[in-house]
N, C-alpha and C. Protein backbone atom coordinates (compact mmCIF):
# COMPACT_ATOMS: atom_id res chain seq x y z
N MET A 1 10.03 -39.53 1.19
CA MET A 1 8.90 -38.69 0.86
C MET A 1 9.36 -37.68 -0.21
N PRO A 2 8.62 -37.56 -1.31
CA PRO A 2 9.00 -36.60 -2.35
C PRO A 2 8.91 -35.17 -1.84
N LYS A 3 9.76 -34.33 -2.39
CA LYS A 3 9.76 -32.92 -2.02
C LYS A 3 9.86 -32.07 -3.28
N LYS A 4 9.33 -30.88 -3.19
CA LYS A 4 9.48 -29.87 -4.23
C LYS A 4 9.95 -28.60 -3.54
N GLU A 5 10.72 -27.81 -4.26
CA GLU A 5 11.25 -26.59 -3.68
C GLU A 5 10.89 -25.40 -4.56
N ILE A 6 10.49 -24.33 -3.91
CA ILE A 6 10.22 -23.06 -4.58
C ILE A 6 11.14 -22.02 -3.95
N THR A 7 11.86 -21.29 -4.81
CA THR A 7 12.72 -20.22 -4.30
C THR A 7 12.28 -18.90 -4.91
N ILE A 8 12.38 -17.87 -4.09
CA ILE A 8 12.04 -16.51 -4.53
C ILE A 8 13.22 -15.62 -4.16
N THR A 9 13.73 -14.91 -5.15
CA THR A 9 14.82 -13.97 -4.93
C THR A 9 14.31 -12.58 -5.26
N VAL A 10 14.47 -11.67 -4.32
CA VAL A 10 14.02 -10.29 -4.52
C VAL A 10 15.26 -9.40 -4.52
N GLU A 11 15.49 -8.76 -5.67
CA GLU A 11 16.58 -7.80 -5.77
C GLU A 11 16.03 -6.42 -5.43
N LEU A 12 16.76 -5.68 -4.61
CA LEU A 12 16.32 -4.37 -4.16
C LEU A 12 17.18 -3.27 -4.76
N ASP A 13 16.56 -2.10 -4.97
CA ASP A 13 17.34 -0.95 -5.43
C ASP A 13 17.95 -0.26 -4.21
N ASN A 14 18.59 0.89 -4.42
CA ASN A 14 19.26 1.57 -3.31
C ASN A 14 18.29 2.16 -2.28
N GLU A 15 16.98 2.16 -2.59
CA GLU A 15 15.96 2.61 -1.64
C GLU A 15 15.21 1.42 -1.02
N ASN A 16 15.73 0.22 -1.20
CA ASN A 16 15.13 -1.02 -0.70
C ASN A 16 13.76 -1.30 -1.31
N ILE A 17 13.54 -0.82 -2.53
CA ILE A 17 12.33 -1.12 -3.29
C ILE A 17 12.66 -2.29 -4.22
N PRO A 18 11.77 -3.30 -4.32
CA PRO A 18 12.06 -4.41 -5.23
C PRO A 18 12.27 -3.92 -6.66
N SER A 19 13.39 -4.31 -7.24
CA SER A 19 13.69 -3.96 -8.62
C SER A 19 13.52 -5.17 -9.53
N ASN A 20 13.57 -6.36 -8.95
CA ASN A 20 13.44 -7.58 -9.71
C ASN A 20 12.97 -8.69 -8.78
N ILE A 21 12.00 -9.45 -9.21
CA ILE A 21 11.52 -10.60 -8.44
C ILE A 21 11.70 -11.82 -9.34
N ILE A 22 12.49 -12.76 -8.87
CA ILE A 22 12.81 -13.96 -9.65
C ILE A 22 12.40 -15.18 -8.83
N TRP A 23 11.74 -16.11 -9.48
CA TRP A 23 11.34 -17.32 -8.77
C TRP A 23 11.70 -18.55 -9.58
N ASN A 24 11.81 -19.64 -8.88
CA ASN A 24 12.14 -20.92 -9.50
C ASN A 24 11.46 -22.02 -8.70
N ALA A 25 11.15 -23.10 -9.38
CA ALA A 25 10.57 -24.26 -8.72
C ALA A 25 11.20 -25.52 -9.31
N THR A 26 11.29 -26.55 -8.51
CA THR A 26 11.93 -27.78 -8.97
C THR A 26 11.19 -28.41 -10.14
N ASP A 27 9.90 -28.12 -10.30
CA ASP A 27 9.16 -28.69 -11.42
C ASP A 27 8.75 -27.64 -12.46
N LEU A 28 9.53 -26.56 -12.54
CA LEU A 28 9.32 -25.54 -13.56
C LEU A 28 10.02 -26.02 -14.83
N HIS A 29 9.32 -26.85 -15.58
CA HIS A 29 9.91 -27.58 -16.70
C HIS A 29 10.36 -26.66 -17.83
N GLY A 30 11.62 -26.84 -18.25
CA GLY A 30 12.15 -26.13 -19.38
C GLY A 30 12.53 -24.68 -19.12
N ILE A 31 12.37 -24.23 -17.89
CA ILE A 31 12.70 -22.84 -17.55
C ILE A 31 13.61 -22.87 -16.32
N ASP A 32 14.73 -22.17 -16.41
CA ASP A 32 15.66 -22.12 -15.29
C ASP A 32 15.11 -21.25 -14.16
N LYS A 33 14.57 -20.09 -14.54
CA LYS A 33 13.98 -19.18 -13.57
C LYS A 33 12.97 -18.30 -14.29
N ALA A 34 12.08 -17.70 -13.54
CA ALA A 34 11.06 -16.85 -14.12
C ALA A 34 11.04 -15.52 -13.38
N GLN A 35 10.78 -14.46 -14.12
CA GLN A 35 10.70 -13.13 -13.51
C GLN A 35 9.25 -12.71 -13.40
N CYS A 36 8.97 -11.87 -12.43
CA CYS A 36 7.63 -11.31 -12.31
C CYS A 36 7.75 -9.90 -11.76
N ARG A 37 6.67 -9.14 -11.91
CA ARG A 37 6.65 -7.76 -11.43
C ARG A 37 5.94 -7.61 -10.09
N ALA A 38 5.19 -8.63 -9.69
CA ALA A 38 4.48 -8.56 -8.42
C ALA A 38 4.23 -9.95 -7.88
N MET A 39 4.04 -10.03 -6.57
CA MET A 39 3.71 -11.29 -5.93
C MET A 39 2.91 -11.04 -4.67
N LEU A 40 2.02 -11.95 -4.37
CA LEU A 40 1.26 -11.97 -3.12
C LEU A 40 1.45 -13.37 -2.55
N LEU A 41 2.04 -13.44 -1.39
CA LEU A 41 2.27 -14.73 -0.75
C LEU A 41 1.57 -14.73 0.60
N SER A 42 0.70 -15.70 0.81
CA SER A 42 -0.02 -15.84 2.07
C SER A 42 0.24 -17.24 2.62
N LEU A 43 0.60 -17.31 3.88
CA LEU A 43 0.87 -18.57 4.55
C LEU A 43 0.02 -18.63 5.81
N TRP A 44 -0.61 -19.77 6.06
CA TRP A 44 -1.48 -19.93 7.21
C TRP A 44 -0.69 -20.47 8.39
N ASP A 45 -0.64 -19.72 9.47
CA ASP A 45 -0.04 -20.15 10.72
C ASP A 45 -1.15 -20.78 11.56
N TYR A 46 -1.23 -22.11 11.55
CA TYR A 46 -2.35 -22.80 12.20
C TYR A 46 -2.31 -22.67 13.72
N GLU A 47 -1.12 -22.51 14.28
CA GLU A 47 -1.05 -22.36 15.74
C GLU A 47 -1.60 -21.01 16.18
N ALA A 48 -1.22 -19.95 15.48
CA ALA A 48 -1.68 -18.60 15.84
C ALA A 48 -3.03 -18.28 15.20
N LYS A 49 -3.49 -19.14 14.29
CA LYS A 49 -4.73 -18.89 13.54
C LYS A 49 -4.67 -17.52 12.87
N ASP A 50 -3.54 -17.30 12.15
CA ASP A 50 -3.28 -16.01 11.53
C ASP A 50 -2.59 -16.22 10.19
N THR A 51 -2.77 -15.25 9.32
CA THR A 51 -2.15 -15.30 8.00
C THR A 51 -0.88 -14.46 8.00
N LEU A 52 0.19 -15.06 7.51
CA LEU A 52 1.45 -14.36 7.31
C LEU A 52 1.49 -13.94 5.84
N LYS A 53 1.73 -12.66 5.57
CA LYS A 53 1.63 -12.16 4.21
C LYS A 53 2.92 -11.48 3.77
N LEU A 54 3.18 -11.60 2.49
CA LEU A 54 4.29 -10.89 1.86
C LEU A 54 3.78 -10.40 0.51
N ASP A 55 3.60 -9.10 0.38
CA ASP A 55 3.10 -8.49 -0.85
C ASP A 55 4.19 -7.57 -1.40
N LEU A 56 4.68 -7.88 -2.58
CA LEU A 56 5.75 -7.09 -3.19
C LEU A 56 5.43 -6.79 -4.64
N TRP A 57 5.88 -5.64 -5.11
CA TRP A 57 5.80 -5.32 -6.52
C TRP A 57 6.94 -4.39 -6.87
N THR A 58 7.34 -4.43 -8.13
CA THR A 58 8.44 -3.60 -8.61
C THR A 58 7.91 -2.27 -9.12
N ARG A 59 8.81 -1.33 -9.32
CA ARG A 59 8.42 -0.04 -9.88
C ARG A 59 7.89 -0.18 -11.30
N ASP A 60 8.27 -1.27 -11.98
CA ASP A 60 7.83 -1.51 -13.36
C ASP A 60 6.38 -1.96 -13.45
N MET A 61 5.80 -2.38 -12.34
CA MET A 61 4.41 -2.83 -12.34
C MET A 61 3.51 -1.63 -12.55
N THR A 62 2.73 -1.66 -13.63
CA THR A 62 1.86 -0.52 -13.92
C THR A 62 0.56 -0.63 -13.12
N VAL A 63 -0.14 0.47 -12.99
CA VAL A 63 -1.43 0.47 -12.30
C VAL A 63 -2.42 -0.44 -13.03
N ASP A 64 -2.44 -0.39 -14.36
CA ASP A 64 -3.34 -1.26 -15.13
C ASP A 64 -3.01 -2.73 -14.91
N GLU A 65 -1.72 -3.07 -14.86
CA GLU A 65 -1.33 -4.46 -14.58
C GLU A 65 -1.75 -4.87 -13.17
N MET A 66 -1.63 -3.95 -12.21
CA MET A 66 -2.01 -4.26 -10.83
C MET A 66 -3.50 -4.54 -10.73
N LYS A 67 -4.30 -3.78 -11.44
CA LYS A 67 -5.75 -4.01 -11.44
C LYS A 67 -6.07 -5.40 -11.97
N ILE A 68 -5.45 -5.78 -13.07
CA ILE A 68 -5.67 -7.11 -13.65
C ILE A 68 -5.16 -8.20 -12.71
N PHE A 69 -3.97 -7.98 -12.14
CA PHE A 69 -3.37 -8.93 -11.20
C PHE A 69 -4.30 -9.18 -10.01
N PHE A 70 -4.84 -8.10 -9.43
CA PHE A 70 -5.76 -8.26 -8.30
C PHE A 70 -7.02 -9.00 -8.73
N HIS A 71 -7.57 -8.65 -9.87
CA HIS A 71 -8.79 -9.33 -10.33
C HIS A 71 -8.53 -10.82 -10.51
N GLN A 72 -7.46 -11.16 -11.19
CA GLN A 72 -7.15 -12.58 -11.41
C GLN A 72 -6.89 -13.30 -10.09
N THR A 73 -6.27 -12.62 -9.14
CA THR A 73 -6.02 -13.21 -7.83
C THR A 73 -7.33 -13.46 -7.09
N LEU A 74 -8.24 -12.50 -7.14
CA LEU A 74 -9.55 -12.68 -6.50
C LEU A 74 -10.32 -13.84 -7.12
N VAL A 75 -10.28 -13.96 -8.45
CA VAL A 75 -10.96 -15.08 -9.13
C VAL A 75 -10.34 -16.40 -8.70
N THR A 76 -9.02 -16.47 -8.65
CA THR A 76 -8.34 -17.70 -8.23
C THR A 76 -8.67 -18.04 -6.79
N MET A 77 -8.70 -17.04 -5.92
CA MET A 77 -9.07 -17.28 -4.52
C MET A 77 -10.50 -17.79 -4.42
N THR A 78 -11.39 -17.26 -5.26
CA THR A 78 -12.78 -17.72 -5.26
C THR A 78 -12.86 -19.18 -5.69
N ASP A 79 -12.11 -19.54 -6.73
CA ASP A 79 -12.07 -20.95 -7.18
C ASP A 79 -11.54 -21.85 -6.07
N THR A 80 -10.50 -21.40 -5.38
CA THR A 80 -9.92 -22.19 -4.29
C THR A 80 -10.92 -22.35 -3.15
N LEU A 81 -11.62 -21.27 -2.82
CA LEU A 81 -12.64 -21.33 -1.77
C LEU A 81 -13.72 -22.35 -2.11
N GLN A 82 -14.14 -22.36 -3.36
CA GLN A 82 -15.16 -23.31 -3.82
C GLN A 82 -14.67 -24.74 -3.67
N ARG A 83 -13.44 -24.99 -4.14
CA ARG A 83 -12.90 -26.36 -4.07
C ARG A 83 -12.67 -26.80 -2.62
N ALA A 84 -12.26 -25.86 -1.76
CA ALA A 84 -11.93 -26.21 -0.37
C ALA A 84 -13.16 -26.37 0.51
N THR A 85 -14.22 -25.60 0.24
CA THR A 85 -15.39 -25.62 1.12
C THR A 85 -16.63 -26.22 0.49
N ASN A 86 -16.63 -26.29 -0.83
CA ASN A 86 -17.81 -26.75 -1.58
C ASN A 86 -19.04 -25.91 -1.25
N ASP A 87 -18.82 -24.66 -0.90
CA ASP A 87 -19.92 -23.75 -0.56
C ASP A 87 -20.28 -22.91 -1.79
N GLU A 88 -21.29 -23.37 -2.50
CA GLU A 88 -21.71 -22.70 -3.74
C GLU A 88 -22.22 -21.28 -3.49
N ARG A 89 -22.91 -21.07 -2.39
CA ARG A 89 -23.50 -19.76 -2.12
C ARG A 89 -22.44 -18.68 -1.96
N ILE A 90 -21.49 -18.91 -1.06
CA ILE A 90 -20.48 -17.87 -0.83
C ILE A 90 -19.54 -17.75 -2.01
N SER A 91 -19.26 -18.85 -2.68
CA SER A 91 -18.40 -18.78 -3.88
C SER A 91 -19.09 -17.98 -4.98
N GLY A 92 -20.38 -18.17 -5.11
CA GLY A 92 -21.14 -17.39 -6.09
C GLY A 92 -21.14 -15.91 -5.75
N ASP A 93 -21.30 -15.61 -4.46
CA ASP A 93 -21.24 -14.22 -4.01
C ASP A 93 -19.86 -13.61 -4.30
N MET A 94 -18.82 -14.39 -4.05
CA MET A 94 -17.46 -13.90 -4.31
C MET A 94 -17.26 -13.66 -5.80
N MET A 95 -17.78 -14.55 -6.64
CA MET A 95 -17.63 -14.37 -8.09
C MET A 95 -18.40 -13.14 -8.55
N ASP A 96 -19.57 -12.90 -7.95
CA ASP A 96 -20.30 -11.67 -8.25
C ASP A 96 -19.45 -10.45 -7.89
N PHE A 97 -18.76 -10.51 -6.75
CA PHE A 97 -17.88 -9.41 -6.37
C PHE A 97 -16.73 -9.26 -7.37
N CYS A 98 -16.18 -10.37 -7.83
CA CYS A 98 -15.10 -10.31 -8.83
C CYS A 98 -15.57 -9.59 -10.09
N ASP A 99 -16.79 -9.90 -10.52
CA ASP A 99 -17.37 -9.21 -11.69
C ASP A 99 -17.54 -7.72 -11.41
N TYR A 100 -18.03 -7.39 -10.23
CA TYR A 100 -18.21 -5.99 -9.82
C TYR A 100 -16.86 -5.27 -9.78
N PHE A 101 -15.86 -5.92 -9.21
CA PHE A 101 -14.52 -5.36 -9.12
C PHE A 101 -13.97 -5.06 -10.51
N ALA A 102 -14.11 -6.02 -11.42
CA ALA A 102 -13.61 -5.83 -12.79
C ALA A 102 -14.32 -4.68 -13.48
N GLU A 103 -15.62 -4.58 -13.25
CA GLU A 103 -16.38 -3.48 -13.85
C GLU A 103 -15.92 -2.13 -13.31
N LYS A 104 -15.77 -2.02 -12.00
CA LYS A 104 -15.35 -0.76 -11.37
C LYS A 104 -13.91 -0.39 -11.74
N MET A 105 -13.06 -1.38 -11.94
CA MET A 105 -11.67 -1.14 -12.33
C MET A 105 -11.53 -0.96 -13.84
N GLU A 106 -12.67 -1.14 -14.54
CA GLU A 106 -12.72 -1.01 -16.00
C GLU A 106 -11.73 -1.93 -16.70
N ILE A 107 -11.73 -3.19 -16.26
CA ILE A 107 -10.85 -4.19 -16.87
C ILE A 107 -11.63 -5.32 -17.52
N LYS A 108 -12.94 -5.34 -17.36
CA LYS A 108 -13.77 -6.40 -17.91
C LYS A 108 -13.93 -6.20 -19.41
N LYS A 109 -13.71 -7.27 -20.17
CA LYS A 109 -13.87 -7.21 -21.63
C LYS A 109 -15.29 -7.48 -22.02
């Protein structure tokens, strides 16, 4: 059975705050590793019917970047919800919220 591997390395400063987040994947073509300033990882525990979450960001992540990051994450989650449930009504409502969020965060072009 084919497998793919994703690794995430979080370097911490002396106050245990992430200073660097580095990730790699077996199919990350042409790149040995990639850096990022923030990550949101959610895993579904089907036995407990609960979400396991890991939300990290570095001190270098600006407030403006965080606003954009959250907006893009909400849009991606909305797309995933649409593909997974085929529920046009709730996906449309979520996209309306994404537009509202972008407007309130003053990030909409």
